[in-house]
Amino acid sequence: MKINMETKFNIGQEVYIIHNSRQKWKIMRRAVIDDVRTLSINDVCIIRYGFKNGAIYSEKILFATQEEAEARCRELNREVTNG
């Protein structure tokens, strides 16, 4: 069975990856997507993006621009500070 899905990012696209380091969200690095995988679990489809170093991330922490990544980090840091 083949399923056609729209993904937020494409293979070869450069994205910004954020992560939580010591209670503070920040941009970890910029990387190029090498692989896109979909997982279907109990009728829920999860899209994962792979990179040349073997890392795999969900689209929740990937952003097309540095500005989007920085804005999301600020938002998450406010949530951590305000509890």
PDB file of N, CA and C in Angstrom:
ATOM      1  N   MET A   1       0.846  -1.173   0.000  1.00  0.00           N
ATOM      2  CA  MET A   1       0.000   0.000   0.000  1.00  0.00           C
ATOM      3  C   MET A   1       0.896   1.241   0.000  1.00  0.00           C
ATOM      4  N   LYS A   2       0.561   2.206  -0.815  1.00  0.00           N
ATOM      5  CA  LYS A   2       1.314   3.447  -0.893  1.00  0.00           C
ATOM      6  C   LYS A   2       0.433   4.599  -0.409  1.00  0.00           C
ATOM      7  N   ILE A   3       1.016   5.426   0.453  1.00  0.00           N
ATOM      8  CA  ILE A   3       0.290   6.576   0.997  1.00  0.00           C
ATOM      9  C   ILE A   3       1.034   7.838   0.600  1.00  0.00           C
ATOM     10  N   ASN A   4       0.333   8.753  -0.017  1.00  0.00           N
ATOM     11  CA  ASN A   4       0.935  10.048  -0.359  1.00  0.00           C
ATOM     12  C   ASN A   4       0.677  11.019   0.779  1.00  0.00           C
ATOM     13  N   MET A   5       1.745  11.632   1.279  1.00  0.00           N
ATOM     14  CA  MET A   5       1.613  12.561   2.397  1.00  0.00           C
ATOM     15  C   MET A   5       2.353  13.848   2.093  1.00  0.00           C
ATOM     16  N   GLU A   6       1.815  14.934   2.563  1.00  0.00           N
ATOM     17  CA  GLU A   6       2.500  16.221   2.502  1.00  0.00           C
ATOM     18  C   GLU A   6       3.360  16.336   3.754  1.00  0.00           C
ATOM     19  N   THR A   7       4.608  16.712   3.568  1.00  0.00           N
ATOM     20  CA  THR A   7       5.494  16.908   4.713  1.00  0.00           C
ATOM     21  C   THR A   7       5.847  18.388   4.828  1.00  0.00           C
ATOM     22  N   LYS A   8       6.193  18.793   6.009  1.00  0.00           N
ATOM     23  CA  LYS A   8       6.548  20.191   6.264  1.00  0.00           C
ATOM     24  C   LYS A   8       7.876  20.555   5.601  1.00  0.00           C
ATOM     25  N   PHE A   9       8.801  19.599   5.539  1.00  0.00           N
ATOM     26  CA  PHE A   9      10.130  19.819   4.967  1.00  0.00           C
ATOM     27  C   PHE A   9      10.422  18.755   3.921  1.00  0.00           C
ATOM     28  N   ASN A  10      11.420  19.015   3.081  1.00  0.00           N
ATOM     29  CA  ASN A  10      11.798  18.099   2.010  1.00  0.00           C
ATOM     30  C   ASN A  10      13.247  17.644   2.166  1.00  0.00           C
ATOM     31  N   ILE A  11      13.559  16.512   1.547  1.00  0.00           N
ATOM     32  CA  ILE A  11      14.940  16.041   1.512  1.00  0.00           C
ATOM     33  C   ILE A  11      15.782  17.106   0.816  1.00  0.00           C
ATOM     34  N   GLY A  12      16.941  17.398   1.398  1.00  0.00           N
ATOM     35  CA  GLY A  12      17.833  18.415   0.852  1.00  0.00           C
ATOM     36  C   GLY A  12      17.590  19.810   1.394  1.00  0.00           C
ATOM     37  N   GLN A  13      16.511  19.992   2.143  1.00  0.00           N
ATOM     38  CA  GLN A  13      16.195  21.310   2.709  1.00  0.00           C
ATOM     39  C   GLN A  13      17.008  21.550   3.978  1.00  0.00           C
ATOM     40  N   GLU A  14      17.516  22.758   4.107  1.00  0.00           N
ATOM     41  CA  GLU A  14      18.256  23.146   5.300  1.00  0.00           C
ATOM     42  C   GLU A  14      17.268  23.618   6.360  1.00  0.00           C
ATOM     43  N   VAL A  15      17.427  23.132   7.583  1.00  0.00           N
ATOM     44  CA  VAL A  15      16.536  23.496   8.686  1.00  0.00           C
ATOM     45  C   VAL A  15      17.355  23.849   9.926  1.00  0.00           C
ATOM     46  N   TYR A  16      16.691  24.503  10.864  1.00  0.00           N
ATOM     47  CA  TYR A  16      17.295  24.829  12.162  1.00  0.00           C
ATOM     48  C   TYR A  16      16.687  23.900  13.199  1.00  0.00           C
ATOM     49  N   ILE A  17      17.552  23.338  14.039  1.00  0.00           N
ATOM     50  CA  ILE A  17      17.138  22.382  15.064  1.00  0.00           C
ATOM     51  C   ILE A  17      17.295  23.043  16.430  1.00  0.00           C
ATOM     52  N   ILE A  18      16.229  22.989  17.247  1.00  0.00           N
ATOM     53  CA  ILE A  18      16.317  23.549  18.602  1.00  0.00           C
ATOM     54  C   ILE A  18      16.348  22.401  19.612  1.00  0.00           C
ATOM     55  N   HIS A  19      16.882  22.694  20.795  1.00  0.00           N
ATOM     56  CA  HIS A  19      16.870  21.704  21.875  1.00  0.00           C
ATOM     57  C   HIS A  19      16.914  22.406  23.223  1.00  0.00           C
ATOM     58  N   ASN A  20      16.575  21.645  24.255  1.00  0.00           N
ATOM     59  CA  ASN A  20      16.547  22.165  25.613  1.00  0.00           C
ATOM     60  C   ASN A  20      17.859  21.810  26.292  1.00  0.00           C
ATOM     61  N   SER A  21      18.613  22.831  26.682  1.00  0.00           N
ATOM     62  CA  SER A  21      19.886  22.634  27.350  1.00  0.00           C
ATOM     63  C   SER A  21      19.855  23.353  28.689  1.00  0.00           C
ATOM     64  N   ARG A  22      19.886  22.582  29.758  1.00  0.00           N
ATOM     65  CA  ARG A  22      19.884  23.154  31.118  1.00  0.00           C
ATOM     66  C   ARG A  22      18.730  24.130  31.333  1.00  0.00           C
ATOM     67  N   GLN A  23      17.537  23.673  31.042  1.00  0.00           N
ATOM     68  CA  GLN A  23      16.319  24.453  31.255  1.00  0.00           C
ATOM     69  C   GLN A  23      16.188  25.657  30.332  1.00  0.00           C
ATOM     70  N   LYS A  24      16.956  25.699  29.260  1.00  0.00           N
ATOM     71  CA  LYS A  24      16.861  26.806  28.311  1.00  0.00           C
ATOM     72  C   LYS A  24      16.839  26.259  26.892  1.00  0.00           C
ATOM     73  N   TRP A  25      15.831  26.676  26.121  1.00  0.00           N
ATOM     74  CA  TRP A  25      15.740  26.283  24.727  1.00  0.00           C
ATOM     75  C   TRP A  25      16.623  27.185  23.886  1.00  0.00           C
ATOM     76  N   LYS A  26      17.357  26.568  22.953  1.00  0.00           N
ATOM     77  CA  LYS A  26      18.197  27.349  22.049  1.00  0.00           C
ATOM     78  C   LYS A  26      18.400  26.586  20.748  1.00  0.00           C
ATOM     79  N   ILE A  27      18.912  27.295  19.739  1.00  0.00           N
ATOM     80  CA  ILE A  27      19.178  26.647  18.465  1.00  0.00           C
ATOM     81  C   ILE A  27      20.414  25.770  18.630  1.00  0.00           C
ATOM     82  N   MET A  28      20.267  24.502  18.307  1.00  0.00           N
ATOM     83  CA  MET A  28      21.379  23.576  18.427  1.00  0.00           C
ATOM     84  C   MET A  28      22.288  23.696  17.207  1.00  0.00           C
ATOM     85  N   ARG A  29      21.691  23.689  16.012  1.00  0.00           N
ATOM     86  CA  ARG A  29      22.491  23.806  14.797  1.00  0.00           C
ATOM     87  C   ARG A  29      21.599  23.890  13.572  1.00  0.00           C
ATOM     88  N   ARG A  30      22.245  24.112  12.452  1.00  0.00           N
ATOM     89  CA  ARG A  30      21.588  24.126  11.151  1.00  0.00           C
ATOM     90  C   ARG A  30      22.038  22.862  10.430  1.00  0.00           C
ATOM     91  N   ALA A  31      21.113  22.163   9.761  1.00  0.00           N
ATOM     92  CA  ALA A  31      21.467  20.916   9.092  1.00  0.00           C
ATOM     93  C   ALA A  31      20.581  20.702   7.870  1.00  0.00           C
ATOM     94  N   VAL A  32      21.024  19.821   7.000  1.00  0.00           N
ATOM     95  CA  VAL A  32      20.280  19.491   5.784  1.00  0.00           C
ATOM     96  C   VAL A  32      19.598  18.136   5.968  1.00  0.00           C
ATOM     97  N   ILE A  33      18.309  18.080   5.664  1.00  0.00           N
ATOM     98  CA  ILE A  33      17.542  16.838   5.800  1.00  0.00           C
ATOM     99  C   ILE A  33      18.022  15.835   4.755  1.00  0.00           C
ATOM    100  N   ASP A  34      18.290  14.622   5.233  1.00  0.00           N
ATOM    101  CA  ASP A  34      18.810  13.559   4.373  1.00  0.00           C
ATOM    102  C   ASP A  34      17.759  12.489   4.086  1.00  0.00           C
ATOM    103  N   ASP A  35      16.733  12.393   4.946  1.00  0.00           N
ATOM    104  CA  ASP A  35      15.787  11.287   4.865  1.00  0.00           C
ATOM    105  C   ASP A  35      14.469  11.712   5.518  1.00  0.00           C
ATOM    106  N   VAL A  36      13.346  11.286   4.959  1.00  0.00           N
ATOM    107  CA  VAL A  36      12.035  11.537   5.570  1.00  0.00           C
ATOM    108  C   VAL A  36      11.360  10.188   5.748  1.00  0.00           C
ATOM    109  N   ARG A  37      10.914   9.915   6.968  1.00  0.00           N
ATOM    110  CA  ARG A  37      10.251   8.642   7.274  1.00  0.00           C
ATOM    111  C   ARG A  37       8.903   8.904   7.932  1.00  0.00           C
ATOM    112  N   THR A  38       7.958   8.046   7.637  1.00  0.00           N
ATOM    113  CA  THR A  38       6.660   8.138   8.293  1.00  0.00           C
ATOM    114  C   THR A  38       6.412   6.864   9.075  1.00  0.00           C
ATOM    115  N   LEU A  39       5.861   7.021  10.249  1.00  0.00           N
ATOM    116  CA  LEU A  39       5.482   5.895  11.095  1.00  0.00           C
ATOM    117  C   LEU A  39       3.990   5.986  11.343  1.00  0.00           C
ATOM    118  N   SER A  40       3.311   4.889  11.243  1.00  0.00           N
ATOM    119  CA  SER A  40       1.880   4.869  11.517  1.00  0.00           C
ATOM    120  C   SER A  40       1.636   3.950  12.702  1.00  0.00           C
ATOM    121  N   ILE A  41       1.142   4.551  13.791  1.00  0.00           N
ATOM    122  CA  ILE A  41       0.878   3.804  15.016  1.00  0.00           C
ATOM    123  C   ILE A  41      -0.541   4.096  15.455  1.00  0.00           C
ATOM    124  N   ASN A  42      -1.369   3.070  15.493  1.00  0.00           N
ATOM    125  CA  ASN A  42      -2.764   3.220  15.917  1.00  0.00           C
ATOM    126  C   ASN A  42      -3.463   4.375  15.198  1.00  0.00           C
ATOM    127  N   ASP A  43      -3.383   4.398  13.900  1.00  0.00           N
ATOM    128  CA  ASP A  43      -4.018   5.419  13.050  1.00  0.00           C
ATOM    129  C   ASP A  43      -3.462   6.821  13.253  1.00  0.00           C
ATOM    130  N   VAL A  44      -2.320   6.941  13.903  1.00  0.00           N
ATOM    131  CA  VAL A  44      -1.639   8.225  14.060  1.00  0.00           C
ATOM    132  C   VAL A  44      -0.366   8.170  13.231  1.00  0.00           C
ATOM    133  N   CYS A  45      -0.195   9.155  12.361  1.00  0.00           N
ATOM    134  CA  CYS A  45       0.973   9.167  11.490  1.00  0.00           C
ATOM    135  C   CYS A  45       2.001  10.154  12.037  1.00  0.00           C
ATOM    136  N   ILE A  46       3.227   9.689  12.198  1.00  0.00           N
ATOM    137  CA  ILE A  46       4.314  10.516  12.711  1.00  0.00           C
ATOM    138  C   ILE A  46       5.369  10.648  11.616  1.00  0.00           C
ATOM    139  N   ILE A  47       5.788  11.872  11.355  1.00  0.00           N
ATOM    140  CA  ILE A  47       6.812  12.117  10.344  1.00  0.00           C
ATOM    141  C   ILE A  47       8.126  12.412  11.052  1.00  0.00           C
ATOM    142  N   ARG A  48       9.176  11.692  10.651  1.00  0.00           N
ATOM    143  CA  ARG A  48      10.509  11.878  11.230  1.00  0.00           C
ATOM    144  C   ARG A  48      11.474  12.273  10.128  1.00  0.00           C
ATOM    145  N   TYR A  49      12.388  13.169  10.457  1.00  0.00           N
ATOM    146  CA  TYR A  49      13.375  13.653   9.492  1.00  0.00           C
ATOM    147  C   TYR A  49      14.757  13.185   9.922  1.00  0.00           C
ATOM    148  N   GLY A  50      15.493  12.559   8.995  1.00  0.00           N
ATOM    149  CA  GLY A  50      16.809  12.033   9.287  1.00  0.00           C
ATOM    150  C   GLY A  50      17.909  12.898   8.695  1.00  0.00           C
ATOM    151  N   PHE A  51      19.082  12.831   9.326  1.00  0.00           N
ATOM    152  CA  PHE A  51      20.230  13.635   8.924  1.00  0.00           C
ATOM    153  C   PHE A  51      21.436  12.726   8.715  1.00  0.00           C
ATOM    154  N   LYS A  52      22.435  13.219   7.990  1.00  0.00           N
ATOM    155  CA  LYS A  52      23.603  12.404   7.622  1.00  0.00           C
ATOM    156  C   LYS A  52      24.337  11.815   8.828  1.00  0.00           C
ATOM    157  N   ASN A  53      24.280  12.493   9.970  1.00  0.00           N
ATOM    158  CA  ASN A  53      24.981  11.984  11.152  1.00  0.00           C
ATOM    159  C   ASN A  53      24.192  10.891  11.879  1.00  0.00           C
ATOM    160  N   GLY A  54      23.044  10.506  11.321  1.00  0.00           N
ATOM    161  CA  GLY A  54      22.236   9.447  11.913  1.00  0.00           C
ATOM    162  C   GLY A  54      21.152   9.946  12.852  1.00  0.00           C
ATOM    163  N   ALA A  55      21.155  11.223  13.172  1.00  0.00           N
ATOM    164  CA  ALA A  55      20.142  11.789  14.066  1.00  0.00           C
ATOM    165  C   ALA A  55      18.786  11.816  13.368  1.00  0.00           C
ATOM    166  N   ILE A  56      17.733  11.635  14.142  1.00  0.00           N
ATOM    167  CA  ILE A  56      16.360  11.685  13.632  1.00  0.00           C
ATOM    168  C   ILE A  56      15.553  12.580  14.556  1.00  0.00           C
ATOM    169  N   TYR A  57      14.818  13.538  13.979  1.00  0.00           N
ATOM    170  CA  TYR A  57      14.025  14.478  14.769  1.00  0.00           C
ATOM    171  C   TYR A  57      12.611  14.595  14.199  1.00  0.00           C
ATOM    172  N   SER A  58      11.660  14.938  15.064  1.00  0.00           N
ATOM    173  CA  SER A  58      10.301  15.218  14.602  1.00  0.00           C
ATOM    174  C   SER A  58      10.222  16.689  14.199  1.00  0.00           C
ATOM    175  N   GLU A  59       9.179  17.029  13.477  1.00  0.00           N
ATOM    176  CA  GLU A  59       9.073  18.406  12.990  1.00  0.00           C
ATOM    177  C   GLU A  59       8.768  19.415  14.101  1.00  0.00           C
ATOM    178  N   LYS A  60       8.484  18.941  15.314  1.00  0.00           N
ATOM    179  CA  LYS A  60       8.218  19.863  16.430  1.00  0.00           C
ATOM    180  C   LYS A  60       9.420  20.731  16.772  1.00  0.00           C
ATOM    181  N   ILE A  61      10.631  20.245  16.489  1.00  0.00           N
ATOM    182  CA  ILE A  61      11.822  21.021  16.850  1.00  0.00           C
ATOM    183  C   ILE A  61      12.627  21.467  15.636  1.00  0.00           C
ATOM    184  N   LEU A  62      12.042  21.360  14.445  1.00  0.00           N
ATOM    185  CA  LEU A  62      12.699  21.786  13.211  1.00  0.00           C
ATOM    186  C   LEU A  62      12.015  23.024  12.653  1.00  0.00           C
ATOM    187  N   PHE A  63      12.810  23.955  12.132  1.00  0.00           N
ATOM    188  CA  PHE A  63      12.264  25.204  11.611  1.00  0.00           C
ATOM    189  C   PHE A  63      12.976  25.596  10.331  1.00  0.00           C
ATOM    190  N   ALA A  64      12.225  26.180   9.409  1.00  0.00           N
ATOM    191  CA  ALA A  64      12.766  26.544   8.097  1.00  0.00           C
ATOM    192  C   ALA A  64      13.713  27.733   8.162  1.00  0.00           C
ATOM    193  N   THR A  65      13.492  28.648   9.113  1.00  0.00           N
ATOM    194  CA  THR A  65      14.337  29.836   9.202  1.00  0.00           C
ATOM    195  C   THR A  65      14.864  30.013  10.620  1.00  0.00           C
ATOM    196  N   GLN A  66      15.938  30.753  10.722  1.00  0.00           N
ATOM    197  CA  GLN A  66      16.513  31.045  12.033  1.00  0.00           C
ATOM    198  C   GLN A  66      15.537  31.885  12.859  1.00  0.00           C
ATOM    199  N   GLU A  67      14.825  32.785  12.207  1.00  0.00           N
ATOM    200  CA  GLU A  67      13.864  33.638  12.917  1.00  0.00           C
ATOM    201  C   GLU A  67      12.752  32.809  13.553  1.00  0.00           C
ATOM    202  N   GLU A  68      12.234  31.816  12.817  1.00  0.00           N
ATOM    203  CA  GLU A  68      11.198  30.943  13.371  1.00  0.00           C
ATOM    204  C   GLU A  68      11.735  30.152  14.557  1.00  0.00           C
ATOM    205  N   ALA A  69      12.953  29.647  14.436  1.00  0.00           N
ATOM    206  CA  ALA A  69      13.560  28.874  15.517  1.00  0.00           C
ATOM    207  C   ALA A  69      13.772  29.739  16.758  1.00  0.00           C
ATOM    208  N   GLU A  70      14.282  30.958  16.560  1.00  0.00           N
ATOM    209  CA  GLU A  70      14.502  31.858  17.697  1.00  0.00           C
ATOM    210  C   GLU A  70      13.188  32.237  18.365  1.00  0.00           C
ATOM    211  N   ALA A  71      12.149  32.482  17.577  1.00  0.00           N
ATOM    212  CA  ALA A  71      10.838  32.832  18.140  1.00  0.00           C
ATOM    213  C   ALA A  71      10.283  31.687  18.977  1.00  0.00           C
ATOM    214  N   ARG A  72      10.420  30.460  18.492  1.00  0.00           N
ATOM    215  CA  ARG A  72       9.928  29.300  19.246  1.00  0.00           C
ATOM    216  C   ARG A  72      10.741  29.100  20.524  1.00  0.00           C
ATOM    217  N   CYS A  73      12.045  29.317  20.477  1.00  0.00           N
ATOM    218  CA  CYS A  73      12.877  29.218  21.679  1.00  0.00           C
ATOM    219  C   CYS A  73      12.429  30.237  22.721  1.00  0.00           C
ATOM    220  N   ARG A  74      12.191  31.480  22.292  1.00  0.00           N
ATOM    221  CA  ARG A  74      11.719  32.513  23.232  1.00  0.00           C
ATOM    222  C   ARG A  74      10.399  32.103  23.870  1.00  0.00           C
ATOM    223  N   GLU A  75       9.493  31.589  23.063  1.00  0.00           N
ATOM    224  CA  GLU A  75       8.191  31.149  23.567  1.00  0.00           C
ATOM    225  C   GLU A  75       8.337  30.018  24.584  1.00  0.00           C
ATOM    226  N   LEU A  76       9.135  29.027  24.268  1.00  0.00           N
ATOM    227  CA  LEU A  76       9.355  27.907  25.190  1.00  0.00           C
ATOM    228  C   LEU A  76      10.074  28.332  26.449  1.00  0.00           C
ATOM    229  N   ASN A  77      11.021  29.258  26.338  1.00  0.00           N
ATOM    230  CA  ASN A  77      11.734  29.747  27.521  1.00  0.00           C
ATOM    231  C   ASN A  77      10.811  30.521  28.449  1.00  0.00           C
ATOM    232  N   ARG A  78       9.846  31.249  27.886  1.00  0.00           N
ATOM    233  CA  ARG A  78       8.855  31.947  28.724  1.00  0.00           C
ATOM    234  C   ARG A  78       8.012  30.935  29.492  1.00  0.00           C
ATOM    235  N   GLU A  79       7.630  29.829  28.827  1.00  0.00           N
ATOM    236  CA  GLU A  79       6.838  28.785  29.491  1.00  0.00           C
ATOM    237  C   GLU A  79       7.609  28.161  30.649  1.00  0.00           C
ATOM    238  N   VAL A  80       8.906  27.934  30.467  1.00  0.00           N
ATOM    239  CA  VAL A  80       9.737  27.346  31.524  1.00  0.00           C
ATOM    240  C   VAL A  80       9.850  28.317  32.693  1.00  0.00           C
ATOM    241  N   THR A  81      10.047  29.608  32.390  1.00  0.00           N
ATOM    242  CA  THR A  81      10.207  30.619  33.454  1.00  0.00           C
ATOM    243  C   THR A  81       8.921  30.860  34.210  1.00  0.00           C
ATOM    244  N   ASN A  82       7.788  30.874  33.489  1.00  0.00           N
ATOM    245  CA  ASN A  82       6.498  31.173  34.109  1.00  0.00           C
ATOM    246  C   ASN A  82       5.839  29.940  34.706  1.00  0.00           C
ATOM    247  N   GLY A  83       6.401  28.764  34.447  1.00  0.00           N
ATOM    248  CA  GLY A  83       5.888  27.535  35.022  1.00  0.00           C
ATOM    249  C   GLY A  83       4.622  27.144  34.411  1.00  0.00           C
TER     250      GLY A  83
END
